[in-house]
Amino acid sequence: MHVSKFDEKMATYEAALAKIDKGGDKELLRKVAKGLGPSIYNTDSNKVACSDKAELKRVVDNFCKKKLGMTDEAKAMEAVQAVCKKYVDRSKHRAVFYYLVAKELGMESHYD
C-alpha cells in the first residue's frame, strides 16, 4: 500500500495535535494543511518559531488577516501568543499551529 506524502505529513500532524488537543478535529487539520500548499514539504517553511517576533507578525498578517479575514491585529496576536504557550514542542508544525490559531480565534468555519 502506497501512502502519499500528504498522508505521511497528516500522520505527523495528527500525532502532534493529539498531545495538545485530544479530541482534535482531524478534518479541520487536513483542510488547514491543504490550504498551506507545498510549503508543508519545505523544511524551513513548515515550522513556526515562537521566539521569532517577525515570524509571529507574519502569522498574524498572512494567516490571521489574509487567510481568516481577521481585522483585529491585537486579538490575532493574542491568539498566536496563546498558541505559543499551549504548543510547547520545540518543532511547531505550521499546519498544527495554524489549526490551533483558527480554533483559538473561533474561526474554524472559515474552512467549511
PDB file of N, CA and C in Angstrom:
ATOM      1  N   MET A   1       0.839  -1.194   0.000  1.00  0.00           N
ATOM      2  CA  MET A   1       0.000   0.000   0.000  1.00  0.00           C
ATOM      3  C   MET A   1       0.876   1.246   0.000  1.00  0.00           C
ATOM      4  N   HIS A   2       0.594   2.143  -0.910  1.00  0.00           N
ATOM      5  CA  HIS A   2       1.380   3.370  -1.021  1.00  0.00           C
ATOM      6  C   HIS A   2       0.723   4.498  -0.210  1.00  0.00           C
ATOM      7  N   VAL A   3       1.500   5.101   0.652  1.00  0.00           N
ATOM      8  CA  VAL A   3       0.994   6.232   1.433  1.00  0.00           C
ATOM      9  C   VAL A   3       1.537   7.504   0.799  1.00  0.00           C
ATOM     10  N   SER A   4       0.647   8.458   0.532  1.00  0.00           N
ATOM     11  CA  SER A   4       1.095   9.695  -0.104  1.00  0.00           C
ATOM     12  C   SER A   4       1.908  10.530   0.873  1.00  0.00           C
ATOM     13  N   LYS A   5       2.698  11.442   0.310  1.00  0.00           N
ATOM     14  CA  LYS A   5       3.493  12.344   1.135  1.00  0.00           C
ATOM     15  C   LYS A   5       2.563  13.160   2.026  1.00  0.00           C
ATOM     16  N   PHE A   6       1.418  13.544   1.473  1.00  0.00           N
ATOM     17  CA  PHE A   6       0.467  14.338   2.249  1.00  0.00           C
ATOM     18  C   PHE A   6      -0.043  13.531   3.440  1.00  0.00           C
ATOM     19  N   ASP A   7      -0.376  12.260   3.217  1.00  0.00           N
ATOM     20  CA  ASP A   7      -0.869  11.419   4.307  1.00  0.00           C
ATOM     21  C   ASP A   7       0.208  11.187   5.373  1.00  0.00           C
ATOM     22  N   GLU A   8       1.455  11.102   4.928  1.00  0.00           N
ATOM     23  CA  GLU A   8       2.564  10.976   5.893  1.00  0.00           C
ATOM     24  C   GLU A   8       2.616  12.217   6.766  1.00  0.00           C
ATOM     25  N   LYS A   9       2.501  13.384   6.140  1.00  0.00           N
ATOM     26  CA  LYS A   9       2.502  14.653   6.879  1.00  0.00           C
ATOM     27  C   LYS A   9       1.327  14.695   7.850  1.00  0.00           C
ATOM     28  N   MET A  10       0.159  14.276   7.373  1.00  0.00           N
ATOM     29  CA  MET A  10      -1.036  14.297   8.215  1.00  0.00           C
ATOM     30  C   MET A  10      -0.853  13.418   9.450  1.00  0.00           C
ATOM     31  N   ALA A  11      -0.221  12.269   9.291  1.00  0.00           N
ATOM     32  CA  ALA A  11       0.015  11.367  10.424  1.00  0.00           C
ATOM     33  C   ALA A  11       0.900  12.072  11.459  1.00  0.00           C
ATOM     34  N   THR A  12       1.918  12.779  10.988  1.00  0.00           N
ATOM     35  CA  THR A  12       2.812  13.535  11.875  1.00  0.00           C
ATOM     36  C   THR A  12       2.029  14.640  12.585  1.00  0.00           C
ATOM     37  N   TYR A  13       1.212  15.374  11.818  1.00  0.00           N
ATOM     38  CA  TYR A  13       0.445  16.486  12.389  1.00  0.00           C
ATOM     39  C   TYR A  13      -0.589  15.982  13.400  1.00  0.00           C
ATOM     40  N   GLU A  14      -1.245  14.887  13.063  1.00  0.00           N
ATOM     41  CA  GLU A  14      -2.268  14.345  13.970  1.00  0.00           C
ATOM     42  C   GLU A  14      -1.633  13.891  15.284  1.00  0.00           C
ATOM     43  N   ALA A  15      -0.446  13.311  15.206  1.00  0.00           N
ATOM     44  CA  ALA A  15       0.254  12.879  16.418  1.00  0.00           C
ATOM     45  C   ALA A  15       0.631  14.089  17.269  1.00  0.00           C
ATOM     46  N   ALA A  16       1.099  15.145  16.615  1.00  0.00           N
ATOM     47  CA  ALA A  16       1.477  16.374  17.336  1.00  0.00           C
ATOM     48  C   ALA A  16       0.239  17.013  17.967  1.00  0.00           C
ATOM     49  N   LEU A  17      -0.841  17.035  17.221  1.00  0.00           N
ATOM     50  CA  LEU A  17      -2.081  17.642  17.712  1.00  0.00           C
ATOM     51  C   LEU A  17      -2.648  16.860  18.892  1.00  0.00           C
ATOM     52  N   ALA A  18      -2.547  15.537  18.841  1.00  0.00           N
ATOM     53  CA  ALA A  18      -3.095  14.690  19.906  1.00  0.00           C
ATOM     54  C   ALA A  18      -2.494  15.016  21.270  1.00  0.00           C
ATOM     55  N   LYS A  19      -1.235  15.507  21.275  1.00  0.00           N
ATOM     56  CA  LYS A  19      -0.590  15.866  22.540  1.00  0.00           C
ATOM     57  C   LYS A  19      -1.239  17.099  23.161  1.00  0.00           C
ATOM     58  N   ILE A  20      -1.806  17.967  22.318  1.00  0.00           N
ATOM     59  CA  ILE A  20      -2.349  19.242  22.780  1.00  0.00           C
ATOM     60  C   ILE A  20      -3.865  19.205  22.882  1.00  0.00           C
ATOM     61  N   ASP A  21      -4.488  18.634  21.858  1.00  0.00           N
ATOM     62  CA  ASP A  21      -5.945  18.652  21.752  1.00  0.00           C
ATOM     63  C   ASP A  21      -6.410  17.217  21.487  1.00  0.00           C
ATOM     64  N   LYS A  22      -6.700  16.498  22.560  1.00  0.00           N
ATOM     65  CA  LYS A  22      -7.056  15.072  22.453  1.00  0.00           C
ATOM     66  C   LYS A  22      -8.147  14.794  21.420  1.00  0.00           C
ATOM     67  N   GLY A  23      -9.210  15.575  21.463  1.00  0.00           N
ATOM     68  CA  GLY A  23     -10.313  15.337  20.534  1.00  0.00           C
ATOM     69  C   GLY A  23     -10.218  16.241  19.322  1.00  0.00           C
ATOM     70  N   GLY A  24      -8.997  16.449  18.834  1.00  0.00           N
ATOM     71  CA  GLY A  24      -8.774  17.361  17.720  1.00  0.00           C
ATOM     72  C   GLY A  24      -9.610  17.037  16.495  1.00  0.00           C
ATOM     73  N   ASP A  25      -9.949  18.069  15.766  1.00  0.00           N
ATOM     74  CA  ASP A  25     -10.764  17.944  14.558  1.00  0.00           C
ATOM     75  C   ASP A  25      -9.835  17.632  13.386  1.00  0.00           C
ATOM     76  N   LYS A  26      -9.710  16.341  13.065  1.00  0.00           N
ATOM     77  CA  LYS A  26      -8.769  15.920  12.019  1.00  0.00           C
ATOM     78  C   LYS A  26      -9.148  16.474  10.644  1.00  0.00           C
ATOM     79  N   GLU A  27     -10.433  16.633  10.420  1.00  0.00           N
ATOM     80  CA  GLU A  27     -10.895  17.161   9.130  1.00  0.00           C
ATOM     81  C   GLU A  27     -10.454  18.619   8.969  1.00  0.00           C
ATOM     82  N   LEU A  28     -10.591  19.390  10.045  1.00  0.00           N
ATOM     83  CA  LEU A  28     -10.146  20.790  10.012  1.00  0.00           C
ATOM     84  C   LEU A  28      -8.632  20.852   9.826  1.00  0.00           C
ATOM     85  N   LEU A  29      -7.905  19.992  10.529  1.00  0.00           N
ATOM     86  CA  LEU A  29      -6.448  19.956  10.406  1.00  0.00           C
ATOM     87  C   LEU A  29      -6.048  19.662   8.961  1.00  0.00           C
ATOM     88  N   ARG A  30      -6.746  18.722   8.335  1.00  0.00           N
ATOM     89  CA  ARG A  30      -6.484  18.361   6.938  1.00  0.00           C
ATOM     90  C   ARG A  30      -6.710  19.574   6.020  1.00  0.00           C
ATOM     91  N   LYS A  31      -7.798  20.313   6.270  1.00  0.00           N
ATOM     92  CA  LYS A  31      -8.102  21.493   5.442  1.00  0.00           C
ATOM     93  C   LYS A  31      -7.050  22.576   5.614  1.00  0.00           C
ATOM     94  N   VAL A  32      -6.606  22.777   6.858  1.00  0.00           N
ATOM     95  CA  VAL A  32      -5.559  23.775   7.123  1.00  0.00           C
ATOM     96  C   VAL A  32      -4.278  23.371   6.395  1.00  0.00           C
ATOM     97  N   ALA A  33      -3.904  22.093   6.511  1.00  0.00           N
ATOM     98  CA  ALA A  33      -2.683  21.601   5.860  1.00  0.00           C
ATOM     99  C   ALA A  33      -2.781  21.763   4.340  1.00  0.00           C
ATOM    100  N   LYS A  34      -3.937  21.419   3.773  1.00  0.00           N
ATOM    101  CA  LYS A  34      -4.130  21.566   2.319  1.00  0.00           C
ATOM    102  C   LYS A  34      -4.005  23.030   1.922  1.00  0.00           C
ATOM    103  N   GLY A  35      -4.549  23.913   2.751  1.00  0.00           N
ATOM    104  CA  GLY A  35      -4.506  25.346   2.475  1.00  0.00           C
ATOM    105  C   GLY A  35      -3.095  25.911   2.468  1.00  0.00           C
ATOM    106  N   LEU A  36      -2.175  25.232   3.130  1.00  0.00           N
ATOM    107  CA  LEU A  36      -0.782  25.683   3.164  1.00  0.00           C
ATOM    108  C   LEU A  36      -0.022  25.291   1.902  1.00  0.00           C
ATOM    109  N   GLY A  37      -0.610  24.400   1.119  1.00  0.00           N
ATOM    110  CA  GLY A  37       0.009  24.023  -0.149  1.00  0.00           C
ATOM    111  C   GLY A  37       1.371  23.379   0.024  1.00  0.00           C
ATOM    112  N   PRO A  38       2.249  23.586  -0.959  1.00  0.00           N
ATOM    113  CA  PRO A  38       3.546  22.905  -0.965  1.00  0.00           C
ATOM    114  C   PRO A  38       4.480  23.301   0.171  1.00  0.00           C
ATOM    115  N   SER A  39       4.181  24.404   0.883  1.00  0.00           N
ATOM    116  CA  SER A  39       5.080  24.845   1.954  1.00  0.00           C
ATOM    117  C   SER A  39       5.229  23.794   3.055  1.00  0.00           C
ATOM    118  N   ILE A  40       4.250  22.883   3.197  1.00  0.00           N
ATOM    119  CA  ILE A  40       4.365  21.877   4.262  1.00  0.00           C
ATOM    120  C   ILE A  40       5.482  20.869   3.986  1.00  0.00           C
ATOM    121  N   TYR A  41       5.972  20.827   2.754  1.00  0.00           N
ATOM    122  CA  TYR A  41       7.055  19.894   2.411  1.00  0.00           C
ATOM    123  C   TYR A  41       8.428  20.558   2.500  1.00  0.00           C
ATOM    124  N   ASN A  42       8.445  21.854   2.818  1.00  0.00           N
ATOM    125  CA  ASN A  42       9.695  22.599   2.886  1.00  0.00           C
ATOM    126  C   ASN A  42      10.148  22.665   4.338  1.00  0.00           C
ATOM    127  N   THR A  43      11.361  22.195   4.602  1.00  0.00           N
ATOM    128  CA  THR A  43      11.858  22.114   5.972  1.00  0.00           C
ATOM    129  C   THR A  43      11.871  23.464   6.674  1.00  0.00           C
ATOM    130  N   ASP A  44      12.177  24.530   5.953  1.00  0.00           N
ATOM    131  CA  ASP A  44      12.219  25.859   6.580  1.00  0.00           C
ATOM    132  C   ASP A  44      10.840  26.418   6.842  1.00  0.00           C
ATOM    133  N   SER A  45       9.950  26.291   5.867  1.00  0.00           N
ATOM    134  CA  SER A  45       8.656  26.955   5.997  1.00  0.00           C
ATOM    135  C   SER A  45       7.594  26.137   6.716  1.00  0.00           C
ATOM    136  N   ASN A  46       7.871  24.866   7.011  1.00  0.00           N
ATOM    137  CA  ASN A  46       6.808  24.067   7.629  1.00  0.00           C
ATOM    138  C   ASN A  46       6.810  24.114   9.155  1.00  0.00           C
ATOM    139  N   LYS A  47       7.662  24.959   9.742  1.00  0.00           N
ATOM    140  CA  LYS A  47       7.719  25.106  11.198  1.00  0.00           C
ATOM    141  C   LYS A  47       7.475  26.575  11.585  1.00  0.00           C
ATOM    142  N   VAL A  48       7.015  26.771  12.817  1.00  0.00           N
ATOM    143  CA  VAL A  48       6.817  28.122  13.348  1.00  0.00           C
ATOM    144  C   VAL A  48       7.713  28.266  14.574  1.00  0.00           C
ATOM    145  N   ALA A  49       8.458  29.363  14.636  1.00  0.00           N
ATOM    146  CA  ALA A  49       9.324  29.624  15.785  1.00  0.00           C
ATOM    147  C   ALA A  49       8.707  30.735  16.639  1.00  0.00           C
ATOM    148  N   CYS A  50       8.226  30.372  17.811  1.00  0.00           N
ATOM    149  CA  CYS A  50       7.586  31.359  18.691  1.00  0.00           C
ATOM    150  C   CYS A  50       8.579  32.399  19.213  1.00  0.00           C
ATOM    151  N   SER A  51       9.872  32.070  19.167  1.00  0.00           N
ATOM    152  CA  SER A  51      10.884  33.009  19.663  1.00  0.00           C
ATOM    153  C   SER A  51      11.176  34.111  18.641  1.00  0.00           C
ATOM    154  N   ASP A  52      10.697  33.933  17.412  1.00  0.00           N
ATOM    155  CA  ASP A  52      10.960  34.886  16.328  1.00  0.00           C
ATOM    156  C   ASP A  52       9.771  35.835  16.179  1.00  0.00           C
ATOM    157  N   LYS A  53       9.932  37.057  16.736  1.00  0.00           N
ATOM    158  CA  LYS A  53       8.829  38.031  16.729  1.00  0.00           C
ATOM    159  C   LYS A  53       8.372  38.389  15.320  1.00  0.00           C
ATOM    160  N   ALA A  54       9.320  38.459  14.389  1.00  0.00           N
ATOM    161  CA  ALA A  54       8.976  38.790  12.998  1.00  0.00           C
ATOM    162  C   ALA A  54       8.101  37.685  12.403  1.00  0.00           C
ATOM    163  N   GLU A  55       8.415  36.449  12.767  1.00  0.00           N
ATOM    164  CA  GLU A  55       7.625  35.336  12.248  1.00  0.00           C
ATOM    165  C   GLU A  55       6.207  35.353  12.808  1.00  0.00           C
ATOM    166  N   LEU A  56       6.080  35.665  14.095  1.00  0.00           N
ATOM    167  CA  LEU A  56       4.745  35.718  14.702  1.00  0.00           C
ATOM    168  C   LEU A  56       3.916  36.811  14.031  1.00  0.00           C
ATOM    169  N   LYS A  57       4.572  37.909  13.694  1.00  0.00           N
ATOM    170  CA  LYS A  57       3.885  39.002  12.995  1.00  0.00           C
ATOM    171  C   LYS A  57       3.428  38.517  11.614  1.00  0.00           C
ATOM    172  N   ARG A  58       4.275  37.716  10.958  1.00  0.00           N
ATOM    173  CA  ARG A  58       3.903  37.151   9.647  1.00  0.00           C
ATOM    174  C   ARG A  58       2.696  36.229   9.777  1.00  0.00           C
ATOM    175  N   VAL A  59       2.626  35.440  10.858  1.00  0.00           N
ATOM    176  CA  VAL A  59       1.477  34.561  11.071  1.00  0.00           C
ATOM    177  C   VAL A  59       0.214  35.421  11.181  1.00  0.00           C
ATOM    178  N   VAL A  60       0.317  36.516  11.943  1.00  0.00           N
ATOM    179  CA  VAL A  60      -0.830  37.428  12.099  1.00  0.00           C
ATOM    180  C   VAL A  60      -1.219  38.011  10.738  1.00  0.00           C
ATOM    181  N   ASP A  61      -0.220  38.529   9.998  1.00  0.00           N
ATOM    182  CA  ASP A  61      -0.500  39.185   8.713  1.00  0.00           C
ATOM    183  C   ASP A  61      -0.977  38.214   7.642  1.00  0.00           C
ATOM    184  N   ASN A  62      -0.231  37.117   7.465  1.00  0.00           N
ATOM    185  CA  ASN A  62      -0.510  36.216   6.347  1.00  0.00           C
ATOM    186  C   ASN A  62      -1.597  35.198   6.626  1.00  0.00           C
ATOM    187  N   PHE A  63      -1.735  34.792   7.878  1.00  0.00           N
ATOM    188  CA  PHE A  63      -2.760  33.798   8.182  1.00  0.00           C
ATOM    189  C   PHE A  63      -4.003  34.454   8.790  1.00  0.00           C
ATOM    190  N   CYS A  64      -3.833  35.118   9.910  1.00  0.00           N
ATOM    191  CA  CYS A  64      -4.999  35.687  10.602  1.00  0.00           C
ATOM    192  C   CYS A  64      -5.718  36.731   9.751  1.00  0.00           C
ATOM    193  N   LYS A  65      -4.943  37.643   9.168  1.00  0.00           N
ATOM    194  CA  LYS A  65      -5.571  38.723   8.389  1.00  0.00           C
ATOM    195  C   LYS A  65      -5.960  38.275   6.986  1.00  0.00           C
ATOM    196  N   LYS A  66      -4.959  37.804   6.221  1.00  0.00           N
ATOM    197  CA  LYS A  66      -5.226  37.465   4.814  1.00  0.00           C
ATOM    198  C   LYS A  66      -6.106  36.244   4.658  1.00  0.00           C
ATOM    199  N   LYS A  67      -5.775  35.176   5.379  1.00  0.00           N
ATOM    200  CA  LYS A  67      -6.488  33.914   5.179  1.00  0.00           C
ATOM    201  C   LYS A  67      -7.825  33.888   5.930  1.00  0.00           C
ATOM    202  N   LEU A  68      -7.801  34.277   7.199  1.00  0.00           N
ATOM    203  CA  LEU A  68      -9.016  34.190   8.011  1.00  0.00           C
ATOM    204  C   LEU A  68      -9.870  35.455   7.943  1.00  0.00           C
ATOM    205  N   GLY A  69      -9.293  36.552   7.439  1.00  0.00           N
ATOM    206  CA  GLY A  69     -10.051  37.796   7.346  1.00  0.00           C
ATOM    207  C   GLY A  69     -10.191  38.520   8.679  1.00  0.00           C
ATOM    208  N   MET A  70      -9.273  38.253   9.589  1.00  0.00           N
ATOM    209  CA  MET A  70      -9.274  38.878  10.915  1.00  0.00           C
ATOM    210  C   MET A  70      -8.836  40.330  10.791  1.00  0.00           C
ATOM    211  N   THR A  71      -9.563  41.240  11.407  1.00  0.00           N
ATOM    212  CA  THR A  71      -9.195  42.653  11.291  1.00  0.00           C
ATOM    213  C   THR A  71      -8.541  43.186  12.565  1.00  0.00           C
ATOM    214  N   ASP A  72      -8.794  42.549  13.696  1.00  0.00           N
ATOM    215  CA  ASP A  72      -8.255  43.000  14.974  1.00  0.00           C
ATOM    216  C   ASP A  72      -6.861  42.405  15.188  1.00  0.00           C
ATOM    217  N   GLU A  73      -5.838  43.206  14.878  1.00  0.00           N
ATOM    218  CA  GLU A  73      -4.461  42.708  14.938  1.00  0.00           C
ATOM    219  C   GLU A  73      -4.058  42.307  16.363  1.00  0.00           C
ATOM    220  N   ALA A  74      -4.487  43.080  17.355  1.00  0.00           N
ATOM    221  CA  ALA A  74      -4.132  42.774  18.750  1.00  0.00           C
ATOM    222  C   ALA A  74      -4.733  41.437  19.172  1.00  0.00           C
ATOM    223  N   LYS A  75      -5.984  41.207  18.793  1.00  0.00           N
ATOM    224  CA  LYS A  75      -6.657  39.949  19.137  1.00  0.00           C
ATOM    225  C   LYS A  75      -5.975  38.779  18.414  1.00  0.00           C
ATOM    226  N   ALA A  76      -5.594  39.003  17.172  1.00  0.00           N
ATOM    227  CA  ALA A  76      -4.904  37.961  16.403  1.00  0.00           C
ATOM    228  C   ALA A  76      -3.576  37.605  17.074  1.00  0.00           C
ATOM    229  N   MET A  77      -2.819  38.631  17.500  1.00  0.00           N
ATOM    230  CA  MET A  77      -1.523  38.389  18.141  1.00  0.00           C
ATOM    231  C   MET A  77      -1.722  37.684  19.486  1.00  0.00           C
ATOM    232  N   GLU A  78      -2.784  38.034  20.205  1.00  0.00           N
ATOM    233  CA  GLU A  78      -3.087  37.350  21.471  1.00  0.00           C
ATOM    234  C   GLU A  78      -3.309  35.855  21.222  1.00  0.00           C
ATOM    235  N   ALA A  79      -4.049  35.546  20.163  1.00  0.00           N
ATOM    236  CA  ALA A  79      -4.325  34.145  19.826  1.00  0.00           C
ATOM    237  C   ALA A  79      -3.026  33.419  19.486  1.00  0.00           C
ATOM    238  N   VAL A  80      -2.165  34.072  18.719  1.00  0.00           N
ATOM    239  CA  VAL A  80      -0.880  33.480  18.335  1.00  0.00           C
ATOM    240  C   VAL A  80      -0.032  33.223  19.589  1.00  0.00           C
ATOM    241  N   GLN A  81       0.002  34.207  20.494  1.00  0.00           N
ATOM    242  CA  GLN A  81       0.770  34.055  21.744  1.00  0.00           C
ATOM    243  C   GLN A  81       0.198  32.918  22.594  1.00  0.00           C
ATOM    244  N   ALA A  82      -1.137  32.821  22.645  1.00  0.00           N
ATOM    245  CA  ALA A  82      -1.788  31.758  23.423  1.00  0.00           C
ATOM    246  C   ALA A  82      -1.404  30.391  22.871  1.00  0.00           C
ATOM    247  N   VAL A  83      -1.339  30.283  21.553  1.00  0.00           N
ATOM    248  CA  VAL A  83      -0.950  29.010  20.928  1.00  0.00           C
ATOM    249  C   VAL A  83       0.517  28.705  21.252  1.00  0.00           C
ATOM    250  N   CYS A  84       1.369  29.721  21.270  1.00  0.00           N
ATOM    251  CA  CYS A  84       2.782  29.511  21.635  1.00  0.00           C
ATOM    252  C   CYS A  84       2.892  28.924  23.044  1.00  0.00           C
ATOM    253  N   LYS A  85       2.029  29.370  23.952  1.00  0.00           N
ATOM    254  CA  LYS A  85       2.058  28.859  25.332  1.00  0.00           C
ATOM    255  C   LYS A  85       1.535  27.421  25.407  1.00  0.00           C
ATOM    256  N   LYS A  86       0.570  27.117  24.554  1.00  0.00           N
ATOM    257  CA  LYS A  86      -0.093  25.819  24.567  1.00  0.00           C
ATOM    258  C   LYS A  86       0.715  24.764  23.808  1.00  0.00           C
ATOM    259  N   TYR A  87       1.297  25.178  22.690  1.00  0.00           N
ATOM    260  CA  TYR A  87       2.029  24.264  21.791  1.00  0.00           C
ATOM    261  C   TYR A  87       3.510  24.382  22.129  1.00  0.00           C
ATOM    262  N   VAL A  88       3.959  23.545  23.061  1.00  0.00           N
ATOM    263  CA  VAL A  88       5.303  23.712  23.610  1.00  0.00           C
ATOM    264  C   VAL A  88       6.375  22.847  22.945  1.00  0.00           C
ATOM    265  N   ASP A  89       6.010  22.022  21.973  1.00  0.00           N
ATOM    266  CA  ASP A  89       7.030  21.223  21.269  1.00  0.00           C
ATOM    267  C   ASP A  89       8.081  22.165  20.694  1.00  0.00           C
ATOM    268  N   ARG A  90       9.314  21.716  20.658  1.00  0.00           N
ATOM    269  CA  ARG A  90      10.377  22.555  20.109  1.00  0.00           C
ATOM    270  C   ARG A  90      10.120  22.832  18.624  1.00  0.00           C
ATOM    271  N   SER A  91       9.742  21.793  17.906  1.00  0.00           N
ATOM    272  CA  SER A  91       9.395  21.971  16.495  1.00  0.00           C
ATOM    273  C   SER A  91       7.886  22.103  16.386  1.00  0.00           C
ATOM    274  N   LYS A  92       7.440  23.286  16.039  1.00  0.00           N
ATOM    275  CA  LYS A  92       5.997  23.521  15.912  1.00  0.00           C
ATOM    276  C   LYS A  92       5.613  23.438  14.443  1.00  0.00           C
ATOM    277  N   HIS A  93       4.848  22.438  14.086  1.00  0.00           N
ATOM    278  CA  HIS A  93       4.414  22.274  12.689  1.00  0.00           C
ATOM    279  C   HIS A  93       3.456  23.406  12.331  1.00  0.00           C
ATOM    280  N   ARG A  94       3.721  24.056  11.202  1.00  0.00           N
ATOM    281  CA  ARG A  94       2.900  25.197  10.796  1.00  0.00           C
ATOM    282  C   ARG A  94       1.420  24.827  10.673  1.00  0.00           C
ATOM    283  N   ALA A  95       1.116  23.659  10.104  1.00  0.00           N
ATOM    284  CA  ALA A  95      -0.288  23.254   9.923  1.00  0.00           C
ATOM    285  C   ALA A  95      -0.987  23.127  11.282  1.00  0.00           C
ATOM    286  N   VAL A  96      -0.304  22.518  12.243  1.00  0.00           N
ATOM    287  CA  VAL A  96      -0.891  22.344  13.578  1.00  0.00           C
ATOM    288  C   VAL A  96      -1.023  23.713  14.250  1.00  0.00           C
ATOM    289  N   PHE A  97       0.000  24.548  14.093  1.00  0.00           N
ATOM    290  CA  PHE A  97      -0.001  25.884  14.693  1.00  0.00           C
ATOM    291  C   PHE A  97      -1.182  26.704  14.161  1.00  0.00           C
ATOM    292  N   TYR A  98      -1.351  26.710  12.835  1.00  0.00           N
ATOM    293  CA  TYR A  98      -2.447  27.477  12.224  1.00  0.00           C
ATOM    294  C   TYR A  98      -3.806  26.924  12.645  1.00  0.00           C
ATOM    295  N   TYR A  99      -3.888  25.604  12.721  1.00  0.00           N
ATOM    296  CA  TYR A  99      -5.125  24.963  13.180  1.00  0.00           C
ATOM    297  C   TYR A  99      -5.478  25.490  14.575  1.00  0.00           C
ATOM    298  N   LEU A 100      -4.483  25.501  15.470  1.00  0.00           N
ATOM    299  CA  LEU A 100      -4.716  25.950  16.844  1.00  0.00           C
ATOM    300  C   LEU A 100      -5.082  27.435  16.898  1.00  0.00           C
ATOM    301  N   VAL A 101      -4.468  28.232  16.039  1.00  0.00           N
ATOM    302  CA  VAL A 101      -4.795  29.666  15.989  1.00  0.00           C
ATOM    303  C   VAL A 101      -6.243  29.846  15.527  1.00  0.00           C
ATOM    304  N   ALA A 102      -6.638  29.119  14.487  1.00  0.00           N
ATOM    305  CA  ALA A 102      -8.022  29.208  13.983  1.00  0.00           C
ATOM    306  C   ALA A 102      -9.007  28.832  15.086  1.00  0.00           C
ATOM    307  N   LYS A 103      -8.687  27.770  15.842  1.00  0.00           N
ATOM    308  CA  LYS A 103      -9.553  27.339  16.952  1.00  0.00           C
ATOM    309  C   LYS A 103      -9.580  28.409  18.044  1.00  0.00           C
ATOM    310  N   GLU A 104      -8.431  28.949  18.359  1.00  0.00           N
ATOM    311  CA  GLU A 104      -8.299  29.964  19.409  1.00  0.00           C
ATOM    312  C   GLU A 104      -9.167  31.188  19.076  1.00  0.00           C
ATOM    313  N   LEU A 105      -9.208  31.529  17.791  1.00  0.00           N
ATOM    314  CA  LEU A 105      -9.991  32.685  17.331  1.00  0.00           C
ATOM    315  C   LEU A 105     -11.467  32.326  17.087  1.00  0.00           C
ATOM    316  N   GLY A 106     -11.779  31.030  17.165  1.00  0.00           N
ATOM    317  CA  GLY A 106     -13.148  30.600  16.900  1.00  0.00           C
ATOM    318  C   GLY A 106     -13.529  30.770  15.435  1.00  0.00           C
ATOM    319  N   MET A 107     -12.526  30.645  14.551  1.00  0.00           N
ATOM    320  CA  MET A 107     -12.760  30.887  13.115  1.00  0.00           C
ATOM    321  C   MET A 107     -12.658  29.618  12.281  1.00  0.00           C
ATOM    322  N   GLU A 108     -12.974  28.485  12.892  1.00  0.00           N
ATOM    323  CA  GLU A 108     -12.903  27.204  12.157  1.00  0.00           C
ATOM    324  C   GLU A 108     -13.820  27.206  10.949  1.00  0.00           C
ATOM    325  N   SER A 109     -14.922  27.935  11.037  1.00  0.00           N
ATOM    326  CA  SER A 109     -15.910  27.931   9.947  1.00  0.00           C
ATOM    327  C   SER A 109     -15.339  28.496   8.651  1.00  0.00           C
ATOM    328  N   HIS A 110     -14.211  29.197   8.756  1.00  0.00           N
ATOM    329  CA  HIS A 110     -13.546  29.712   7.554  1.00  0.00           C
ATOM    330  C   HIS A 110     -13.188  28.575   6.606  1.00  0.00           C
ATOM    331  N   TYR A 111     -12.991  27.386   7.151  1.00  0.00           N
ATOM    332  CA  TYR A 111     -12.580  26.229   6.351  1.00  0.00           C
ATOM    333  C   TYR A 111     -13.744  25.389   5.893  1.00  0.00           C
ATOM    334  N   ASP A 112     -14.982  25.777   6.196  1.00  0.00           N
ATOM    335  CA  ASP A 112     -16.159  24.967   5.783  1.00  0.00           C
ATOM    336  C   ASP A 112     -16.427  25.096   4.301  1.00  0.00           C
TER     337      ASP A 112
END
